[in-house]
Amino acid sequence: MPELPEVETVRRTLEPLLVGRRVSRVELRRADIVEGDRSASALLEGSTIEAIRRHGKQMALIGSGAGAGRVLIVHLGMTGQLVHHATRPDLSSTNHVHAVWTMETCAATKREPAGVLVFRDPRRFGGLWPLSLDALRDRWSELGPDALEATGEGLRERGGRSARAVKGVLLDQSVVAGVGNIYADEALFRAGIRPTRGARRVRREEWDALALAIGGVMRAALEAGGSTVRDYVGGTGERGQAQLGHAVYGRMGEPCIGCGATLKGGVVAQRTTVWCARCQR
């Protein structure tokens, strides 16, 4: 599932293409991907895109008249793609396209062409959630701090008393928003903490190191355009390159980049996990 770097890459690539544009038409091709109001206006038809926001793994298109329900959360799920095309592509032979937004030219800037935005999701674990701006605030208030702003003290306060493995704590979006399986493994490797260790046994200074590691791996992945492990692409269809620099994720049985020992693997918090038994205490 796309994590913070992937969702933020989509947000950053779409922002200059969509903000200031009016949505002239919405085509909903599969109704069950929408949770809630499925009307065209709820899906931003007739609205001008005022902003694209993100918290953790969640991204929202903010349209004019947001207080009346003109906010649309786009959840990419495991295989979702939200891609802008300068001209309308031929969708007649394209499978799994569930929604299409046609944009108008911005009168203020006269940018051409207006383009279309396409949501595609083969496995349909993603979806669209029309909300009001107040409901968006309420929804995001239930999440922990964004992973780019993680602090050791915040991690310790929210998860340091848990009996769960420390990796399970990192995957809890109420503790820190935006960390998933890939970057939990990567951050724990950077911090030298074994993912199986109980969170209650992580020392204060280790929480500080872990917070720095989370920020570091997120920023590095952002610079590389996110990790394309399977279906992920950015907002204009480009593949990410961060997977080329993964230290442990997906490398079970390979040599550790730090010490050369064979990387171990197992299931932690119901997720496939990889670590170095020598480098991670």
C-alpha atoms as a PDB file:
ATOM      1  CA  MET A   1       0.000   0.000   0.000  1.00  0.00           C
ATOM      2  CA  PRO A   2       1.363   3.456  -0.834  1.00  0.00           C
ATOM      3  CA  GLU A   3       2.776   5.173   2.249  1.00  0.00           C
ATOM      4  CA  LEU A   4       3.568   8.798   3.000  1.00  0.00           C
ATOM      5  CA  PRO A   5       6.321   9.270   0.360  1.00  0.00           C
ATOM      6  CA  GLU A   6       4.168   7.836  -2.414  1.00  0.00           C
ATOM      7  CA  VAL A   7       1.042   9.818  -1.490  1.00  0.00           C
ATOM      8  CA  GLU A   8       3.052  13.008  -1.031  1.00  0.00           C
ATOM      9  CA  THR A   9       4.721  12.488  -4.412  1.00  0.00           C
ATOM     10  CA  VAL A  10       1.280  12.199  -6.032  1.00  0.00           C
ATOM     11  CA  ARG A  11       0.160  15.343  -4.184  1.00  0.00           C
ATOM     12  CA  ARG A  12       3.214  17.335  -5.243  1.00  0.00           C
ATOM     13  CA  THR A  13       3.011  16.322  -8.884  1.00  0.00           C
ATOM     14  CA  LEU A  14      -0.727  17.014  -9.141  1.00  0.00           C
ATOM     15  CA  GLU A  15      -0.751  20.316  -7.259  1.00  0.00           C
ATOM     16  CA  PRO A  16       0.580  22.565 -10.064  1.00  0.00           C
ATOM     17  CA  LEU A  17      -1.639  20.798 -12.587  1.00  0.00           C
ATOM     18  CA  LEU A  18      -4.933  20.957 -10.684  1.00  0.00           C
ATOM     19  CA  VAL A  19      -5.001  23.855  -8.232  1.00  0.00           C
ATOM     20  CA  GLY A  20      -6.952  26.733  -9.775  1.00  0.00           C
ATOM     21  CA  ARG A  21      -8.727  24.437 -12.221  1.00  0.00           C
ATOM     22  CA  ARG A  22     -12.474  23.997 -12.353  1.00  0.00           C
ATOM     23  CA  VAL A  23     -13.853  20.466 -12.706  1.00  0.00           C
ATOM     24  CA  SER A  24     -16.209  20.614 -15.672  1.00  0.00           C
ATOM     25  CA  ARG A  25     -17.285  16.981 -15.661  1.00  0.00           C
ATOM     26  CA  VAL A  26     -17.043  13.866 -13.491  1.00  0.00           C
ATOM     27  CA  GLU A  27     -17.526  10.370 -14.877  1.00  0.00           C
ATOM     28  CA  LEU A  28     -18.124   7.732 -12.205  1.00  0.00           C
ATOM     29  CA  ARG A  29     -17.611   4.390 -13.909  1.00  0.00           C
ATOM     30  CA  ARG A  30     -17.914   2.184 -10.841  1.00  0.00           C
ATOM     31  CA  ALA A  31     -20.242   3.435  -8.119  1.00  0.00           C
ATOM     32  CA  ASP A  32     -19.103   1.131  -5.320  1.00  0.00           C
ATOM     33  CA  ILE A  33     -15.697   2.822  -5.067  1.00  0.00           C
ATOM     34  CA  VAL A  34     -17.434   5.825  -3.468  1.00  0.00           C
ATOM     35  CA  GLU A  35     -18.294   5.728   0.212  1.00  0.00           C
ATOM     36  CA  GLY A  36     -21.105   8.206   0.803  1.00  0.00           C
ATOM     37  CA  ASP A  37     -22.670  10.723  -1.591  1.00  0.00           C
ATOM     38  CA  ARG A  38     -22.140   9.624  -5.199  1.00  0.00           C
ATOM     39  CA  SER A  39     -23.551  12.738  -6.831  1.00  0.00           C
ATOM     40  CA  ALA A  40     -21.445  14.615  -9.353  1.00  0.00           C
ATOM     41  CA  SER A  41     -21.285  17.709  -7.146  1.00  0.00           C
ATOM     42  CA  ALA A  42     -20.017  15.651  -4.190  1.00  0.00           C
ATOM     43  CA  LEU A  43     -17.280  14.352  -6.493  1.00  0.00           C
ATOM     44  CA  LEU A  44     -16.302  17.991  -7.203  1.00  0.00           C
ATOM     45  CA  GLU A  45     -18.076  18.592 -10.511  1.00  0.00           C
ATOM     46  CA  GLY A  46     -18.496  22.356 -10.823  1.00  0.00           C
ATOM     47  CA  SER A  47     -15.903  23.066  -8.119  1.00  0.00           C
ATOM     48  CA  THR A  48     -12.558  24.739  -8.492  1.00  0.00           C
ATOM     49  CA  ILE A  49      -9.695  22.810  -6.911  1.00  0.00           C
ATOM     50  CA  GLU A  50      -8.405  25.153  -4.209  1.00  0.00           C
ATOM     51  CA  ALA A  51      -5.808  22.895  -2.602  1.00  0.00           C
ATOM     52  CA  ILE A  52      -4.550  19.330  -2.342  1.00  0.00           C
ATOM     53  CA  ARG A  53      -3.766  18.324   1.220  1.00  0.00           C
ATOM     54  CA  ARG A  54      -2.260  15.265   2.834  1.00  0.00           C
ATOM     55  CA  HIS A  55      -1.967  13.821   6.308  1.00  0.00           C
ATOM     56  CA  GLY A  56      -0.163  10.519   6.664  1.00  0.00           C
ATOM     57  CA  LYS A  57      -1.301   8.237   3.855  1.00  0.00           C
ATOM     58  CA  GLN A  58      -4.505  10.177   3.176  1.00  0.00           C
ATOM     59  CA  MET A  59      -4.881  12.811   0.463  1.00  0.00           C
ATOM     60  CA  ALA A  60      -7.783  15.204  -0.065  1.00  0.00           C
ATOM     61  CA  LEU A  61      -8.800  17.390  -2.978  1.00  0.00           C
ATOM     62  CA  ILE A  62     -10.297  20.600  -1.572  1.00  0.00           C
ATOM     63  CA  GLY A  63     -12.885  22.196  -3.820  1.00  0.00           C
ATOM     64  CA  SER A  64     -14.666  25.533  -3.708  1.00  0.00           C
ATOM     65  CA  GLY A  65     -17.592  25.462  -1.323  1.00  0.00           C
ATOM     66  CA  ALA A  66     -15.742  23.032   0.942  1.00  0.00           C
ATOM     67  CA  GLY A  67     -18.051  23.690   3.884  1.00  0.00           C
ATOM     68  CA  ALA A  68     -20.922  22.237   1.860  1.00  0.00           C
ATOM     69  CA  GLY A  69     -19.174  18.918   1.261  1.00  0.00           C
ATOM     70  CA  ARG A  70     -16.685  19.796  -1.461  1.00  0.00           C
ATOM     71  CA  VAL A  71     -13.803  17.736  -0.103  1.00  0.00           C
ATOM     72  CA  LEU A  72     -12.823  14.457  -1.713  1.00  0.00           C
ATOM     73  CA  ILE A  73     -10.463  12.016  -0.048  1.00  0.00           C
ATOM     74  CA  VAL A  74      -8.730   9.770  -2.562  1.00  0.00           C
ATOM     75  CA  HIS A  75      -7.446   6.559  -0.990  1.00  0.00           C
ATOM     76  CA  LEU A  76      -5.057   4.661  -3.253  1.00  0.00           C
ATOM     77  CA  GLY A  77      -5.300   1.341  -1.422  1.00  0.00           C
ATOM     78  CA  MET A  78      -2.870  -1.298  -2.689  1.00  0.00           C
ATOM     79  CA  THR A  79      -3.087  -0.766  -6.436  1.00  0.00           C
ATOM     80  CA  GLY A  80      -4.733   2.627  -6.899  1.00  0.00           C
ATOM     81  CA  GLN A  81      -3.347   5.254  -9.269  1.00  0.00           C
ATOM     82  CA  LEU A  82      -4.377   8.897  -9.599  1.00  0.00           C
ATOM     83  CA  VAL A  83      -2.813  10.212 -12.797  1.00  0.00           C
ATOM     84  CA  HIS A  84      -3.182  13.471 -14.720  1.00  0.00           C
ATOM     85  CA  HIS A  85      -3.157  13.339 -18.530  1.00  0.00           C
ATOM     86  CA  ALA A  86      -2.616  16.470 -20.603  1.00  0.00           C
ATOM     87  CA  THR A  87      -5.110  15.194 -23.172  1.00  0.00           C
ATOM     88  CA  ARG A  88      -7.847  12.676 -22.707  1.00  0.00           C
ATOM     89  CA  PRO A  89      -6.462   9.144 -23.175  1.00  0.00           C
ATOM     90  CA  ASP A  90      -8.334   6.404 -24.958  1.00  0.00           C
ATOM     91  CA  LEU A  91     -10.141   4.690 -22.084  1.00  0.00           C
ATOM     92  CA  SER A  92     -12.122   2.258 -24.193  1.00  0.00           C
ATOM     93  CA  SER A  93      -9.536  -0.480 -23.761  1.00  0.00           C
ATOM     94  CA  THR A  94      -8.263   0.535 -20.304  1.00  0.00           C
ATOM     95  CA  ASN A  95      -9.316  -1.780 -17.512  1.00  0.00           C
ATOM     96  CA  HIS A  96     -10.101  -0.738 -13.966  1.00  0.00           C
ATOM     97  CA  VAL A  97     -10.599   3.000 -14.597  1.00  0.00           C
ATOM     98  CA  HIS A  98     -13.271   3.893 -12.038  1.00  0.00           C
ATOM     99  CA  ALA A  99     -13.491   7.704 -12.163  1.00  0.00           C
ATOM    100  CA  VAL A 100     -12.481  10.480 -14.547  1.00  0.00           C
ATOM    101  CA  TRP A 101     -12.421  14.235 -13.899  1.00  0.00           C
ATOM    102  CA  THR A 102     -12.281  16.622 -16.869  1.00  0.00           C
ATOM    103  CA  MET A 103     -10.716  19.969 -16.025  1.00  0.00           C
ATOM    104  CA  GLU A 104     -11.304  23.421 -17.506  1.00  0.00           C
ATOM    105  CA  THR A 105      -8.603  25.910 -18.393  1.00  0.00           C
ATOM    106  CA  CYS A 106      -7.855  28.324 -15.563  1.00  0.00           C
ATOM    107  CA  ALA A 107      -9.031  31.760 -16.732  1.00  0.00           C
ATOM    108  CA  ALA A 108      -6.452  33.541 -14.577  1.00  0.00           C
ATOM    109  CA  THR A 109      -3.406  31.798 -16.021  1.00  0.00           C
ATOM    110  CA  LYS A 110      -4.675  30.623 -19.436  1.00  0.00           C
ATOM    111  CA  ARG A 111      -2.804  27.366 -18.967  1.00  0.00           C
ATOM    112  CA  GLU A 112      -3.312  24.817 -21.723  1.00  0.00           C
ATOM    113  CA  PRO A 113      -4.309  22.075 -21.970  1.00  0.00           C
ATOM    114  CA  ALA A 114      -6.700  21.597 -19.086  1.00  0.00           C
ATOM    115  CA  GLY A 115      -6.327  17.812 -19.038  1.00  0.00           C
ATOM    116  CA  VAL A 116      -8.102  15.000 -17.255  1.00  0.00           C
ATOM    117  CA  LEU A 117      -7.536  13.200 -13.971  1.00  0.00           C
ATOM    118  CA  VAL A 118      -7.985   9.412 -13.954  1.00  0.00           C
ATOM    119  CA  PHE A 119      -8.461   7.127 -10.947  1.00  0.00           C
ATOM    120  CA  ARG A 120      -7.568   3.507 -11.652  1.00  0.00           C
ATOM    121  CA  ASP A 121      -7.582   0.674  -9.104  1.00  0.00           C
ATOM    122  CA  PRO A 122      -7.396  -2.950 -10.317  1.00  0.00           C
ATOM    123  CA  ARG A 123      -7.935  -4.586  -6.912  1.00  0.00           C
ATOM    124  CA  ARG A 124     -10.377  -1.962  -5.577  1.00  0.00           C
ATOM    125  CA  PHE A 125      -8.897  -1.648  -2.093  1.00  0.00           C
ATOM    126  CA  GLY A 126      -8.867   2.120  -2.565  1.00  0.00           C
ATOM    127  CA  GLY A 127     -11.762   4.477  -3.066  1.00  0.00           C
ATOM    128  CA  LEU A 128     -13.266   7.953  -2.853  1.00  0.00           C
ATOM    129  CA  TRP A 129     -14.751   9.615   0.245  1.00  0.00           C
ATOM    130  CA  PRO A 130     -16.730  12.864  -0.271  1.00  0.00           C
ATOM    131  CA  LEU A 131     -16.747  14.900   2.946  1.00  0.00           C
ATOM    132  CA  SER A 132     -17.214  18.375   4.317  1.00  0.00           C
ATOM    133  CA  LEU A 133     -14.158  20.307   5.429  1.00  0.00           C
ATOM    134  CA  ASP A 134     -15.247  19.918   9.062  1.00  0.00           C
ATOM    135  CA  ALA A 135     -15.596  16.162   8.622  1.00  0.00           C
ATOM    136  CA  LEU A 136     -12.106  16.041   7.103  1.00  0.00           C
ATOM    137  CA  ARG A 137     -10.682  17.814  10.160  1.00  0.00           C
ATOM    138  CA  ASP A 138     -12.481  15.377  12.452  1.00  0.00           C
ATOM    139  CA  ARG A 139     -11.213  12.393  10.474  1.00  0.00           C
ATOM    140  CA  TRP A 140      -7.621  13.578  10.470  1.00  0.00           C
ATOM    141  CA  SER A 141      -7.732  14.534  14.148  1.00  0.00           C
ATOM    142  CA  GLU A 142      -8.018  10.808  14.925  1.00  0.00           C
ATOM    143  CA  LEU A 143      -4.620  10.211  13.311  1.00  0.00           C
ATOM    144  CA  GLY A 144      -1.275  10.691  14.983  1.00  0.00           C
ATOM    145  CA  PRO A 145       1.207  13.368  13.911  1.00  0.00           C
ATOM    146  CA  ASP A 146       2.395  13.215  10.327  1.00  0.00           C
ATOM    147  CA  ALA A 147       5.509  11.062  10.034  1.00  0.00           C
ATOM    148  CA  LEU A 148       7.515  13.972   8.605  1.00  0.00           C
ATOM    149  CA  GLU A 149       6.953  15.730  11.929  1.00  0.00           C
ATOM    150  CA  ALA A 150       7.545  12.731  14.212  1.00  0.00           C
ATOM    151  CA  THR A 151       9.419  13.342  17.461  1.00  0.00           C
ATOM    152  CA  GLY A 152      10.870  10.852  19.881  1.00  0.00           C
ATOM    153  CA  GLU A 153       8.783  12.231  22.715  1.00  0.00           C
ATOM    154  CA  GLY A 154       5.602  11.970  20.666  1.00  0.00           C
ATOM    155  CA  LEU A 155       6.319   8.373  19.667  1.00  0.00           C
ATOM    156  CA  ARG A 156       7.133   7.445  23.246  1.00  0.00           C
ATOM    157  CA  GLU A 157       4.003   9.099  24.645  1.00  0.00           C
ATOM    158  CA  ARG A 158       1.673   7.435  22.135  1.00  0.00           C
ATOM    159  CA  GLY A 159       3.280   4.028  21.874  1.00  0.00           C
ATOM    160  CA  GLY A 160       5.947   3.610  24.504  1.00  0.00           C
ATOM    161  CA  ARG A 161       3.732   1.811  27.017  1.00  0.00           C
ATOM    162  CA  SER A 162       2.403  -0.697  24.495  1.00  0.00           C
ATOM    163  CA  ALA A 163       3.033  -4.415  24.902  1.00  0.00           C
ATOM    164  CA  ARG A 164       3.147  -4.717  21.116  1.00  0.00           C
ATOM    165  CA  ALA A 165       6.292  -5.113  19.067  1.00  0.00           C
ATOM    166  CA  VAL A 166       7.770  -1.747  18.194  1.00  0.00           C
ATOM    167  CA  LYS A 167       7.038  -2.336  14.509  1.00  0.00           C
ATOM    168  CA  GLY A 168       3.359  -2.833  15.324  1.00  0.00           C
ATOM    169  CA  VAL A 169       3.376   0.519  17.119  1.00  0.00           C
ATOM    170  CA  LEU A 170       4.850   2.243  14.066  1.00  0.00           C
ATOM    171  CA  LEU A 171       2.139   0.760  11.856  1.00  0.00           C
ATOM    172  CA  ASP A 172      -0.568   2.190  14.150  1.00  0.00           C
ATOM    173  CA  GLN A 173      -1.766   5.345  12.374  1.00  0.00           C
ATOM    174  CA  SER A 174      -2.995   6.821  15.671  1.00  0.00           C
ATOM    175  CA  VAL A 175       0.627   6.809  16.878  1.00  0.00           C
ATOM    176  CA  VAL A 176       2.266   8.219  13.749  1.00  0.00           C
ATOM    177  CA  ALA A 177       0.510   8.798  10.424  1.00  0.00           C
ATOM    178  CA  GLY A 178       2.099   7.704   7.182  1.00  0.00           C
ATOM    179  CA  VAL A 179       4.372   4.807   8.138  1.00  0.00           C
ATOM    180  CA  GLY A 180       3.610   1.439   6.557  1.00  0.00           C
ATOM    181  CA  ASN A 181       5.419  -1.837   6.113  1.00  0.00           C
ATOM    182  CA  ILE A 182       8.214  -0.569   3.867  1.00  0.00           C
ATOM    183  CA  TYR A 183       9.329   2.437   5.856  1.00  0.00           C
ATOM    184  CA  ALA A 184       8.805   0.824   9.253  1.00  0.00           C
ATOM    185  CA  ASP A 185      11.419  -1.781   8.312  1.00  0.00           C
ATOM    186  CA  GLU A 186      13.719   0.860   6.846  1.00  0.00           C
ATOM    187  CA  ALA A 187      13.447   3.229   9.826  1.00  0.00           C
ATOM    188  CA  LEU A 188      14.000   0.473  12.380  1.00  0.00           C
ATOM    189  CA  PHE A 189      17.131  -0.590  10.513  1.00  0.00           C
ATOM    190  CA  ARG A 190      18.458   2.974  10.511  1.00  0.00           C
ATOM    191  CA  ALA A 191      17.756   3.298  14.233  1.00  0.00           C
ATOM    192  CA  GLY A 192      19.351  -0.075  15.028  1.00  0.00           C
ATOM    193  CA  ILE A 193      16.205  -1.425  16.708  1.00  0.00           C
ATOM    194  CA  ARG A 194      14.939  -4.929  16.050  1.00  0.00           C
ATOM    195  CA  PRO A 195      11.275  -4.821  14.924  1.00  0.00           C
ATOM    196  CA  THR A 196      10.304  -7.669  17.257  1.00  0.00           C
ATOM    197  CA  ARG A 197      11.348  -5.802  20.410  1.00  0.00           C
ATOM    198  CA  GLY A 198       8.495  -4.821  22.716  1.00  0.00           C
ATOM    199  CA  ALA A 199       7.764  -1.094  22.579  1.00  0.00           C
ATOM    200  CA  ARG A 200       7.962  -0.896  26.375  1.00  0.00           C
ATOM    201  CA  ARG A 201      11.620  -1.953  26.146  1.00  0.00           C
ATOM    202  CA  VAL A 202      12.611   0.877  23.798  1.00  0.00           C
ATOM    203  CA  ARG A 203      14.579   3.519  25.702  1.00  0.00           C
ATOM    204  CA  ARG A 204      13.934   7.259  25.489  1.00  0.00           C
ATOM    205  CA  GLU A 205      17.080   7.916  23.441  1.00  0.00           C
ATOM    206  CA  GLU A 206      16.091   5.132  21.061  1.00  0.00           C
ATOM    207  CA  TRP A 207      12.704   6.731  20.450  1.00  0.00           C
ATOM    208  CA  ASP A 208      14.617   9.911  19.547  1.00  0.00           C
ATOM    209  CA  ALA A 209      16.811   7.953  17.134  1.00  0.00           C
ATOM    210  CA  LEU A 210      13.755   6.262  15.656  1.00  0.00           C
ATOM    211  CA  ALA A 211      11.998   9.581  15.051  1.00  0.00           C
ATOM    212  CA  LEU A 212      15.079  10.862  13.209  1.00  0.00           C
ATOM    213  CA  ALA A 213      15.231   7.636  11.213  1.00  0.00           C
ATOM    214  CA  ILE A 214      11.564   7.897  10.208  1.00  0.00           C
ATOM    215  CA  GLY A 215      12.071  11.441   8.943  1.00  0.00           C
ATOM    216  CA  GLY A 216      15.257  10.432   7.148  1.00  0.00           C
ATOM    217  CA  VAL A 217      13.818   7.482   5.258  1.00  0.00           C
ATOM    218  CA  MET A 218      10.689   9.437   4.347  1.00  0.00           C
ATOM    219  CA  ARG A 219      12.652  12.359   2.914  1.00  0.00           C
ATOM    220  CA  ALA A 220      15.018  10.084   1.030  1.00  0.00           C
ATOM    221  CA  ALA A 221      12.074   8.211  -0.476  1.00  0.00           C
ATOM    222  CA  LEU A 222      10.402  11.494  -1.415  1.00  0.00           C
ATOM    223  CA  GLU A 223      13.523  12.619  -3.252  1.00  0.00           C
ATOM    224  CA  ALA A 224      13.407   9.366  -5.221  1.00  0.00           C
ATOM    225  CA  GLY A 225       9.715   9.737  -6.087  1.00  0.00           C
ATOM    226  CA  GLY A 226       8.509   6.980  -3.748  1.00  0.00           C
ATOM    227  CA  SER A 227       8.862   3.207  -3.992  1.00  0.00           C
ATOM    228  CA  THR A 228       7.385   1.359  -6.960  1.00  0.00           C
ATOM    229  CA  VAL A 229       7.176  -2.195  -5.664  1.00  0.00           C
ATOM    230  CA  ARG A 230       4.153  -3.124  -7.730  1.00  0.00           C
ATOM    231  CA  ASP A 231       1.575  -0.704  -9.136  1.00  0.00           C
ATOM    232  CA  TYR A 232       2.491   2.676  -7.664  1.00  0.00           C
ATOM    233  CA  VAL A 233       3.122   5.611 -10.013  1.00  0.00           C
ATOM    234  CA  GLY A 234       3.239   9.340  -9.338  1.00  0.00           C
ATOM    235  CA  GLY A 235       0.641  11.874 -10.387  1.00  0.00           C
ATOM    236  CA  THR A 236       1.886  12.045 -13.975  1.00  0.00           C
ATOM    237  CA  GLY A 237       2.526   8.320 -14.353  1.00  0.00           C
ATOM    238  CA  GLU A 238       6.211   8.135 -13.428  1.00  0.00           C
ATOM    239  CA  ARG A 239       7.569   5.175 -11.456  1.00  0.00           C
ATOM    240  CA  GLY A 240       9.346   5.735  -8.180  1.00  0.00           C
ATOM    241  CA  GLN A 241      12.992   4.823  -7.645  1.00  0.00           C
ATOM    242  CA  ALA A 242      13.228   4.608  -3.836  1.00  0.00           C
ATOM    243  CA  GLN A 243      12.999   0.810  -3.920  1.00  0.00           C
ATOM    244  CA  LEU A 244      16.475   0.742  -5.437  1.00  0.00           C
ATOM    245  CA  GLY A 245      17.887   2.003  -2.153  1.00  0.00           C
ATOM    246  CA  HIS A 246      15.980  -0.156   0.338  1.00  0.00           C
ATOM    247  CA  ALA A 247      18.326  -1.428   3.025  1.00  0.00           C
ATOM    248  CA  VAL A 248      16.170  -4.281   4.325  1.00  0.00           C
ATOM    249  CA  TYR A 249      12.631  -4.276   2.915  1.00  0.00           C
ATOM    250  CA  GLY A 250      12.202  -7.110   0.418  1.00  0.00           C
ATOM    251  CA  ARG A 251      15.806  -8.301   0.925  1.00  0.00           C
ATOM    252  CA  MET A 252      15.398 -11.316   3.223  1.00  0.00           C
ATOM    253  CA  GLY A 253      18.294 -13.723   2.751  1.00  0.00           C
ATOM    254  CA  GLU A 254      20.524 -11.098   1.180  1.00  0.00           C
ATOM    255  CA  PRO A 255      23.610  -9.600   2.858  1.00  0.00           C
ATOM    256  CA  CYS A 256      23.167  -6.624   5.184  1.00  0.00           C
ATOM    257  CA  ILE A 257      24.531  -3.414   3.669  1.00  0.00           C
ATOM    258  CA  GLY A 258      25.974  -2.538   7.053  1.00  0.00           C
ATOM    259  CA  CYS A 259      27.736  -5.676   8.266  1.00  0.00           C
ATOM    260  CA  GLY A 260      27.328  -8.296   5.558  1.00  0.00           C
ATOM    261  CA  ALA A 261      25.324 -10.712   7.706  1.00  0.00           C
ATOM    262  CA  THR A 262      22.393 -12.519   6.096  1.00  0.00           C
ATOM    263  CA  LEU A 263      19.168 -10.586   6.656  1.00  0.00           C
ATOM    264  CA  LYS A 264      16.495 -12.373   8.664  1.00  0.00           C
ATOM    265  CA  GLY A 265      12.785 -12.412   7.938  1.00  0.00           C
ATOM    266  CA  GLY A 266       9.553 -13.252   9.665  1.00  0.00           C
ATOM    267  CA  VAL A 267       6.057 -12.004  10.417  1.00  0.00           C
ATOM    268  CA  VAL A 268       5.712  -9.106  12.869  1.00  0.00           C
ATOM    269  CA  ALA A 269       2.390  -7.361  13.486  1.00  0.00           C
ATOM    270  CA  GLN A 270       0.925  -9.594  10.749  1.00  0.00           C
ATOM    271  CA  ARG A 271       3.295  -8.140   8.166  1.00  0.00           C
ATOM    272  CA  THR A 272       6.299  -9.665   6.431  1.00  0.00           C
ATOM    273  CA  THR A 273       9.337  -8.124   8.109  1.00  0.00           C
ATOM    274  CA  VAL A 274      13.076  -8.088   7.403  1.00  0.00           C
ATOM    275  CA  TRP A 275      15.903  -7.118   9.747  1.00  0.00           C
ATOM    276  CA  CYS A 276      19.579  -7.630  10.501  1.00  0.00           C
ATOM    277  CA  ALA A 277      20.099  -9.623  13.683  1.00  0.00           C
ATOM    278  CA  ARG A 278      23.588  -8.158  14.071  1.00  0.00           C
ATOM    279  CA  CYS A 279      22.897  -4.448  13.411  1.00  0.00           C
ATOM    280  CA  GLN A 280      19.461  -4.263  15.069  1.00  0.00           C
ATOM    281  CA  ARG A 281      19.574  -4.952  18.799  1.00  0.00           C
END
